[in-house]
Amino acid sequence: MNKELILVKNKIQRLKDKRALIDEKLEPLFIREEELENEEIIAICRSNKITIADLMEKLRKERSDGKMQSEERMQSEMFKERIKENGDEKLKSGEDLLWLLYFLPC
């Protein structure tokens, strides 16, 4: 093989290895960031006495106003099914609350 080609391939491999190492170090940071954001959202909702029922009512109102887009509708239906499966209206996880706050404009 051409000497320059070998050098380029080696450089590409070194960069790929560095990227893999960076990705490996970033993943736990992303997970922790999400956990902290969820905890913050839960704390805000608890301090403001916001329940999952309140958030679902806001979702229903937005839906009736026709402001939701098709993807958000599909995700809201999936979320609604999860609530039915859980069998109560209490906050089940920070992920659920984060989803609602993301899709429901204040």
Protein backbone atom coordinates (compact mmCIF):
# COMPACT_ATOMS: atom_id res chain seq x y z
CA MET A 1 0.00 0.00 0.00
CA ASN A 2 0.90 3.59 -0.51
CA LYS A 3 2.72 5.10 2.49
CA GLU A 4 0.38 8.10 2.63
CA LEU A 5 -2.67 5.83 2.57
CA ILE A 6 -1.31 3.87 5.54
CA LEU A 7 -0.71 7.11 7.47
CA VAL A 8 -4.23 8.35 6.74
CA LYS A 9 -5.78 5.03 7.79
CA ASN A 10 -3.76 5.02 11.01
CA LYS A 11 -4.81 8.57 11.79
CA ILE A 12 -8.45 7.70 11.14
CA GLN A 13 -8.18 4.72 13.49
CA ARG A 14 -6.59 6.82 16.25
CA LEU A 15 -9.39 9.41 15.94
CA LYS A 16 -12.04 6.68 16.05
CA ASP A 17 -10.43 5.30 19.20
CA LYS A 18 -10.45 8.77 20.78
CA ARG A 19 -14.11 9.23 19.82
CA ALA A 20 -14.99 5.88 21.41
CA LEU A 21 -13.22 6.88 24.61
CA ILE A 22 -15.02 10.24 24.67
CA ASP A 23 -18.38 8.52 24.08
CA GLU A 24 -17.61 6.09 26.90
CA LYS A 25 -16.87 8.95 29.28
CA LEU A 26 -19.87 11.00 28.15
CA GLU A 27 -22.55 8.34 28.62
CA PRO A 28 -22.51 8.32 32.46
CA LEU A 29 -22.48 12.11 32.42
CA PHE A 30 -25.55 12.24 30.19
CA ILE A 31 -27.34 9.76 32.44
CA ARG A 32 -26.49 11.77 35.57
CA GLU A 33 -27.54 15.01 33.85
CA GLU A 34 -30.94 13.49 33.04
CA GLU A 35 -31.36 12.23 36.61
CA LEU A 36 -30.57 15.69 38.02
CA GLU A 37 -32.95 17.38 35.59
CA ASN A 38 -35.69 14.93 36.57
CA GLU A 39 -35.08 15.58 40.26
CA GLU A 40 -35.26 19.32 39.65
CA ILE A 41 -38.52 19.03 37.72
CA ILE A 42 -40.04 16.82 40.41
CA ALA A 43 -38.99 19.28 43.13
CA ILE A 44 -40.52 22.20 41.22
CA CYS A 45 -43.78 20.34 40.67
CA ARG A 46 -43.97 19.23 44.30
CA SER A 47 -43.26 22.74 45.58
CA ASN A 48 -45.98 24.11 43.29
CA LYS A 49 -48.34 21.23 44.16
CA ILE A 50 -48.66 20.15 40.53
CA THR A 51 -49.98 16.61 40.10
CA ILE A 52 -49.97 14.27 37.16
CA ALA A 53 -53.75 14.79 36.94
CA ASP A 54 -53.20 18.54 36.50
CA LEU A 55 -50.69 17.92 33.76
CA MET A 56 -52.98 15.43 32.02
CA GLU A 57 -55.84 17.96 32.12
CA LYS A 58 -53.58 20.50 30.45
CA LEU A 59 -52.72 17.88 27.83
CA ARG A 60 -56.42 17.20 27.16
CA LYS A 61 -57.09 20.92 26.84
CA GLU A 62 -54.22 21.39 24.39
CA ARG A 63 -55.47 18.44 22.37
CA SER A 64 -58.98 19.85 22.20
CA ASP A 65 -57.57 23.20 21.05
CA GLY A 66 -55.85 21.36 18.19
CA LYS A 67 -52.40 22.66 19.03
CA MET A 68 -50.64 19.30 19.19
CA GLN A 69 -48.81 17.88 16.21
CA SER A 70 -49.12 14.29 15.04
CA GLU A 71 -45.93 13.02 16.69
CA GLU A 72 -46.85 14.60 19.99
CA ARG A 73 -50.30 13.02 19.75
CA MET A 74 -48.81 9.60 19.29
CA GLN A 75 -46.48 10.11 22.26
CA SER A 76 -49.28 11.46 24.42
CA GLU A 77 -51.36 8.37 23.67
CA MET A 78 -48.45 6.15 24.64
CA PHE A 79 -48.09 8.09 27.89
CA LYS A 80 -51.82 7.85 28.57
CA GLU A 81 -51.63 4.08 28.17
CA ARG A 82 -48.74 3.94 30.63
CA ILE A 83 -50.85 5.79 33.19
CA LYS A 84 -53.72 3.34 32.64
CA GLU A 85 -51.34 0.41 33.10
CA ASN A 86 -49.99 1.86 36.36
CA GLY A 87 -53.50 2.27 37.69
CA ASP A 88 -53.14 5.57 39.56
CA GLU A 89 -52.68 9.27 38.99
CA LYS A 90 -49.56 9.77 41.12
CA LEU A 91 -46.22 10.69 39.64
CA LYS A 92 -44.46 7.47 38.70
CA SER A 93 -41.09 8.76 37.54
CA GLY A 94 -39.17 11.85 36.68
CA GLU A 95 -39.10 10.67 33.08
CA ASP A 96 -42.90 10.86 32.88
CA LEU A 97 -42.92 14.34 34.33
CA LEU A 98 -40.08 15.47 32.09
CA TRP A 99 -42.00 14.22 29.06
CA LEU A 100 -45.12 16.10 30.06
CA LEU A 101 -43.29 19.33 30.78
CA TYR A 102 -41.46 19.09 27.47
CA PHE A 103 -44.61 18.65 25.42
CA LEU A 104 -46.93 20.94 27.35
CA PRO A 105 -46.14 24.62 26.86
CA CYS A 106 -46.57 26.77 29.96
